[in-house]
Amino acid sequence: NGLLLALDDGNVSLLALLDLSTAF
């Protein structure tokens, strides 16, 4: 939803997916 709203406003988005190592 956030990405689509940004596209509707003519913006570009940087999406970063973070992953933890042996977090638990």
PDB file of all heavy atoms in Angstrom:
ATOM      1  N   ASN A   1       0.833  -1.206   0.000  1.00  0.00           N
ATOM      2  CA  ASN A   1       0.000   0.000   0.000  1.00  0.00           C
ATOM      3  C   ASN A   1       0.868   1.256   0.000  1.00  0.00           C
ATOM      4  O   ASN A   1       0.605   2.207  -0.753  1.00  0.00           O
ATOM      5  CB  ASN A   1      -0.913  -0.008   1.228  1.00  0.00           C
ATOM      6  CG  ASN A   1      -1.855   1.173   1.255  1.00  0.00           C
ATOM      7  OD1 ASN A   1      -2.732   1.291   0.407  1.00  0.00           O
ATOM      8  ND2 ASN A   1      -1.681   2.060   2.233  1.00  0.00           N
ATOM      9  N   GLY A   2       1.919   1.269   0.821  1.00  0.00           N
ATOM     10  CA  GLY A   2       2.814   2.422   0.864  1.00  0.00           C
ATOM     11  C   GLY A   2       3.535   2.638  -0.458  1.00  0.00           C
ATOM     12  O   GLY A   2       3.691   3.779  -0.919  1.00  0.00           O
ATOM     13  N   LEU A   3       3.959   1.547  -1.084  1.00  0.00           N
ATOM     14  CA  LEU A   3       4.663   1.649  -2.366  1.00  0.00           C
ATOM     15  C   LEU A   3       3.737   2.149  -3.471  1.00  0.00           C
ATOM     16  O   LEU A   3       4.126   2.975  -4.302  1.00  0.00           O
ATOM     17  CB  LEU A   3       5.255   0.293  -2.747  1.00  0.00           C
ATOM     18  CG  LEU A   3       6.380  -0.234  -1.849  1.00  0.00           C
ATOM     19  CD1 LEU A   3       6.732  -1.668  -2.216  1.00  0.00           C
ATOM     20  CD2 LEU A   3       7.615   0.650  -1.953  1.00  0.00           C
ATOM     21  N   LEU A   4       2.500   1.654  -3.484  1.00  0.00           N
ATOM     22  CA  LEU A   4       1.553   2.076  -4.517  1.00  0.00           C
ATOM     23  C   LEU A   4       1.162   3.540  -4.347  1.00  0.00           C
ATOM     24  O   LEU A   4       0.995   4.274  -5.330  1.00  0.00           O
ATOM     25  CB  LEU A   4       0.307   1.186  -4.480  1.00  0.00           C
ATOM     26  CG  LEU A   4       0.506  -0.263  -4.942  1.00  0.00           C
ATOM     27  CD1 LEU A   4      -0.781  -1.062  -4.752  1.00  0.00           C
ATOM     28  CD2 LEU A   4       0.952  -0.317  -6.396  1.00  0.00           C
ATOM     29  N   LEU A   5       0.999   3.990  -3.104  1.00  0.00           N
ATOM     30  CA  LEU A   5       0.677   5.401  -2.865  1.00  0.00           C
ATOM     31  C   LEU A   5       1.810   6.300  -3.355  1.00  0.00           C
ATOM     32  O   LEU A   5       1.572   7.372  -3.915  1.00  0.00           O
ATOM     33  CB  LEU A   5       0.419   5.633  -1.379  1.00  0.00           C
ATOM     34  CG  LEU A   5      -0.892   5.074  -0.819  1.00  0.00           C
ATOM     35  CD1 LEU A   5      -0.953   5.273   0.697  1.00  0.00           C
ATOM     36  CD2 LEU A   5      -2.093   5.738  -1.479  1.00  0.00           C
ATOM     37  N   ALA A   6       3.054   5.830  -3.134  1.00  0.00           N
ATOM     38  CA  ALA A   6       4.210   6.600  -3.606  1.00  0.00           C
ATOM     39  C   ALA A   6       4.223   6.675  -5.132  1.00  0.00           C
ATOM     40  O   ALA A   6       4.504   7.731  -5.716  1.00  0.00           O
ATOM     41  CB  ALA A   6       5.500   5.973  -3.094  1.00  0.00           C
ATOM     42  N   LEU A   7       3.903   5.568  -5.803  1.00  0.00           N
ATOM     43  CA  LEU A   7       3.846   5.566  -7.268  1.00  0.00           C
ATOM     44  C   LEU A   7       2.751   6.506  -7.770  1.00  0.00           C
ATOM     45  O   LEU A   7       2.933   7.209  -8.774  1.00  0.00           O
ATOM     46  CB  LEU A   7       3.603   4.146  -7.783  1.00  0.00           C
ATOM     47  CG  LEU A   7       4.743   3.137  -7.639  1.00  0.00           C
ATOM     48  CD1 LEU A   7       4.309   1.760  -8.126  1.00  0.00           C
ATOM     49  CD2 LEU A   7       5.978   3.601  -8.411  1.00  0.00           C
ATOM     50  N   ASP A   8       1.610   6.514  -7.085  1.00  0.00           N
ATOM     51  CA  ASP A   8       0.516   7.405  -7.483  1.00  0.00           C
ATOM     52  C   ASP A   8       0.917   8.871  -7.391  1.00  0.00           C
ATOM     53  O   ASP A   8       0.423   9.706  -8.160  1.00  0.00           O
ATOM     54  CB  ASP A   8      -0.708   7.155  -6.605  1.00  0.00           C
ATOM     55  CG  ASP A   8      -1.399   5.846  -6.937  1.00  0.00           C
ATOM     56  OD1 ASP A   8      -1.106   5.290  -8.015  1.00  0.00           O
ATOM     57  OD2 ASP A   8      -2.211   5.376  -6.131  1.00  0.00           O
ATOM     58  N   ASP A   9       1.813   9.179  -6.450  1.00  0.00           N
ATOM     59  CA  ASP A   9       2.280  10.561  -6.278  1.00  0.00           C
ATOM     60  C   ASP A   9       3.446  10.899  -7.207  1.00  0.00           C
ATOM     61  O   ASP A   9       4.006  11.996  -7.124  1.00  0.00           O
ATOM     62  CB  ASP A   9       2.714  10.798  -4.825  1.00  0.00           C
ATOM     63  CG  ASP A   9       1.543  10.771  -3.857  1.00  0.00           C
ATOM     64  OD1 ASP A   9       0.416  11.011  -4.317  1.00  0.00           O
ATOM     65  OD2 ASP A   9       1.752  10.505  -2.663  1.00  0.00           O
ATOM     66  N   GLY A  10       3.838   9.961  -8.068  1.00  0.00           N
ATOM     67  CA  GLY A  10       4.945  10.204  -8.990  1.00  0.00           C
ATOM     68  C   GLY A  10       6.315  10.036  -8.368  1.00  0.00           C
ATOM     69  O   GLY A  10       7.321  10.486  -8.932  1.00  0.00           O
ATOM     70  N   ASN A  11       6.377   9.390  -7.192  1.00  0.00           N
ATOM     71  CA  ASN A  11       7.654   9.202  -6.500  1.00  0.00           C
ATOM     72  C   ASN A  11       8.253   7.835  -6.808  1.00  0.00           C
ATOM     73  O   ASN A  11       7.568   6.922  -7.278  1.00  0.00           O
ATOM     74  CB  ASN A  11       7.469   9.338  -4.988  1.00  0.00           C
ATOM     75  CG  ASN A  11       7.055  10.734  -4.576  1.00  0.00           C
ATOM     76  OD1 ASN A  11       7.413  11.704  -5.239  1.00  0.00           O
ATOM     77  ND2 ASN A  11       6.301  10.845  -3.496  1.00  0.00           N
ATOM     78  N   VAL A  12       9.522   7.707  -6.525  1.00  0.00           N
ATOM     79  CA  VAL A  12      10.188   6.408  -6.559  1.00  0.00           C
ATOM     80  C   VAL A  12      10.477   6.000  -5.118  1.00  0.00           C
ATOM     81  O   VAL A  12      10.592   6.845  -4.227  1.00  0.00           O
ATOM     82  CB  VAL A  12      11.503   6.454  -7.382  1.00  0.00           C
ATOM     83  CG1 VAL A  12      11.216   6.782  -8.815  1.00  0.00           C
ATOM     84  CG2 VAL A  12      12.476   7.460  -6.781  1.00  0.00           C
ATOM     85  N   SER A  13      10.587   4.698  -4.875  1.00  0.00           N
ATOM     86  CA  SER A  13      10.801   4.199  -3.517  1.00  0.00           C
ATOM     87  C   SER A  13      12.007   3.278  -3.482  1.00  0.00           C
ATOM     88  O   SER A  13      12.255   2.515  -4.426  1.00  0.00           O
ATOM     89  CB  SER A  13       9.568   3.444  -3.022  1.00  0.00           C
ATOM     90  OG  SER A  13       8.425   4.270  -3.006  1.00  0.00           O
ATOM     91  N   LEU A  14      12.735   3.357  -2.395  1.00  0.00           N
ATOM     92  CA  LEU A  14      13.824   2.429  -2.125  1.00  0.00           C
ATOM     93  C   LEU A  14      13.345   1.457  -1.063  1.00  0.00           C
ATOM     94  O   LEU A  14      12.976   1.861   0.046  1.00  0.00           O
ATOM     95  CB  LEU A  14      15.066   3.180  -1.646  1.00  0.00           C
ATOM     96  CG  LEU A  14      16.284   2.328  -1.254  1.00  0.00           C
ATOM     97  CD1 LEU A  14      16.734   1.436  -2.416  1.00  0.00           C
ATOM     98  CD2 LEU A  14      17.440   3.223  -0.807  1.00  0.00           C
ATOM     99  N   LEU A  15      13.301   0.183  -1.411  1.00  0.00           N
ATOM    100  CA  LEU A  15      12.839  -0.865  -0.506  1.00  0.00           C
ATOM    101  C   LEU A  15      14.030  -1.710  -0.091  1.00  0.00           C
ATOM    102  O   LEU A  15      14.760  -2.221  -0.941  1.00  0.00           O
ATOM    103  CB  LEU A  15      11.790  -1.738  -1.200  1.00  0.00           C
ATOM    104  CG  LEU A  15      11.228  -2.922  -0.397  1.00  0.00           C
ATOM    105  CD1 LEU A  15      10.416  -2.424   0.790  1.00  0.00           C
ATOM    106  CD2 LEU A  15      10.361  -3.817  -1.289  1.00  0.00           C
ATOM    107  N   ALA A  16      14.240  -1.842   1.212  1.00  0.00           N
ATOM    108  CA  ALA A  16      15.339  -2.661   1.741  1.00  0.00           C
ATOM    109  C   ALA A  16      14.768  -3.723   2.665  1.00  0.00           C
ATOM    110  O   ALA A  16      13.962  -3.419   3.556  1.00  0.00           O
ATOM    111  CB  ALA A  16      16.347  -1.790   2.495  1.00  0.00           C
ATOM    112  N   LEU A  17      15.157  -4.967   2.443  1.00  0.00           N
ATOM    113  CA  LEU A  17      14.701  -6.095   3.254  1.00  0.00           C
ATOM    114  C   LEU A  17      15.871  -6.575   4.109  1.00  0.00           C
ATOM    115  O   LEU A  17      16.867  -7.084   3.579  1.00  0.00           O
ATOM    116  CB  LEU A  17      14.189  -7.228   2.361  1.00  0.00           C
ATOM    117  CG  LEU A  17      13.151  -6.846   1.297  1.00  0.00           C
ATOM    118  CD1 LEU A  17      12.730  -8.076   0.507  1.00  0.00           C
ATOM    119  CD2 LEU A  17      11.938  -6.193   1.942  1.00  0.00           C
ATOM    120  N   LEU A  18      15.760  -6.411   5.415  1.00  0.00           N
ATOM    121  CA  LEU A  18      16.835  -6.773   6.337  1.00  0.00           C
ATOM    122  C   LEU A  18      16.570  -8.142   6.934  1.00  0.00           C
ATOM    123  O   LEU A  18      15.426  -8.504   7.219  1.00  0.00           O
ATOM    124  CB  LEU A  18      16.954  -5.729   7.454  1.00  0.00           C
ATOM    125  CG  LEU A  18      17.104  -4.262   7.022  1.00  0.00           C
ATOM    126  CD1 LEU A  18      17.266  -3.375   8.252  1.00  0.00           C
ATOM    127  CD2 LEU A  18      18.286  -4.095   6.080  1.00  0.00           C
ATOM    128  N   ASP A  19      17.633  -8.871   7.153  1.00  0.00           N
ATOM    129  CA  ASP A  19      17.528 -10.215   7.720  1.00  0.00           C
ATOM    130  C   ASP A  19      18.522 -10.331   8.876  1.00  0.00           C
ATOM    131  O   ASP A  19      19.674  -9.912   8.759  1.00  0.00           O
ATOM    132  CB  ASP A  19      17.831 -11.275   6.650  1.00  0.00           C
ATOM    133  CG  ASP A  19      17.668 -12.692   7.185  1.00  0.00           C
ATOM    134  OD1 ASP A  19      16.516 -13.097   7.407  1.00  0.00           O
ATOM    135  OD2 ASP A  19      18.684 -13.366   7.386  1.00  0.00           O
ATOM    136  N   LEU A  20      18.060 -10.907   9.986  1.00  0.00           N
ATOM    137  CA  LEU A  20      18.926 -11.088  11.144  1.00  0.00           C
ATOM    138  C   LEU A  20      19.559 -12.469  11.119  1.00  0.00           C
ATOM    139  O   LEU A  20      18.955 -13.443  10.667  1.00  0.00           O
ATOM    140  CB  LEU A  20      18.138 -10.913  12.440  1.00  0.00           C
ATOM    141  CG  LEU A  20      17.628  -9.510  12.744  1.00  0.00           C
ATOM    142  CD1 LEU A  20      16.870  -9.499  14.069  1.00  0.00           C
ATOM    143  CD2 LEU A  20      18.761  -8.522  12.794  1.00  0.00           C
ATOM    144  N   SER A  21      20.777 -12.546  11.618  1.00  0.00           N
ATOM    145  CA  SER A  21      21.503 -13.810  11.682  1.00  0.00           C
ATOM    146  C   SER A  21      21.310 -14.441  13.055  1.00  0.00           C
ATOM    147  O   SER A  21      21.632 -13.824  14.073  1.00  0.00           O
ATOM    148  CB  SER A  21      22.989 -13.565  11.403  1.00  0.00           C
ATOM    149  OG  SER A  21      23.718 -14.757  11.485  1.00  0.00           O
ATOM    150  N   THR A  22      20.760 -15.663  13.081  1.00  0.00           N
ATOM    151  CA  THR A  22      20.513 -16.411  14.332  1.00  0.00           C
ATOM    152  C   THR A  22      19.930 -15.503  15.405  1.00  0.00           C
ATOM    153  O   THR A  22      20.397 -15.467  16.553  1.00  0.00           O
ATOM    154  CB  THR A  22      21.800 -17.081  14.840  1.00  0.00           C
ATOM    155  OG1 THR A  22      22.787 -16.059  15.090  1.00  0.00           O
ATOM    156  CG2 THR A  22      22.349 -18.068  13.831  1.00  0.00           C
ATOM    157  N   ALA A  23      18.886 -14.770  15.051  1.00  0.00           N
ATOM    158  CA  ALA A  23      18.346 -13.740  15.931  1.00  0.00           C
ATOM    159  C   ALA A  23      17.833 -14.307  17.256  1.00  0.00           C
ATOM    160  O   ALA A  23      18.109 -13.759  18.322  1.00  0.00           O
ATOM    161  CB  ALA A  23      17.221 -13.000  15.207  1.00  0.00           C
ATOM    162  N   PHE A  24      17.095 -15.417  17.201  1.00  0.00           N
ATOM    163  CA  PHE A  24      16.493 -15.961  18.406  1.00  0.00           C
ATOM    164  C   PHE A  24      17.540 -16.497  19.383  1.00  0.00           C
ATOM    165  O   PHE A  24      17.284 -16.610  20.572  1.00  0.00           O
ATOM    166  CB  PHE A  24      15.521 -17.093  18.042  1.00  0.00           C
ATOM    167  CG  PHE A  24      14.218 -16.619  17.471  1.00  0.00           C
ATOM    168  CD1 PHE A  24      14.167 -15.890  16.292  1.00  0.00           C
ATOM    169  CD2 PHE A  24      13.018 -16.894  18.103  1.00  0.00           C
ATOM    170  CE1 PHE A  24      12.972 -15.454  15.761  1.00  0.00           C
ATOM    171  CE2 PHE A  24      11.802 -16.463  17.580  1.00  0.00           C
ATOM    172  CZ  PHE A  24      11.790 -15.742  16.404  1.00  0.00           C
TER     173      PHE A  24
END
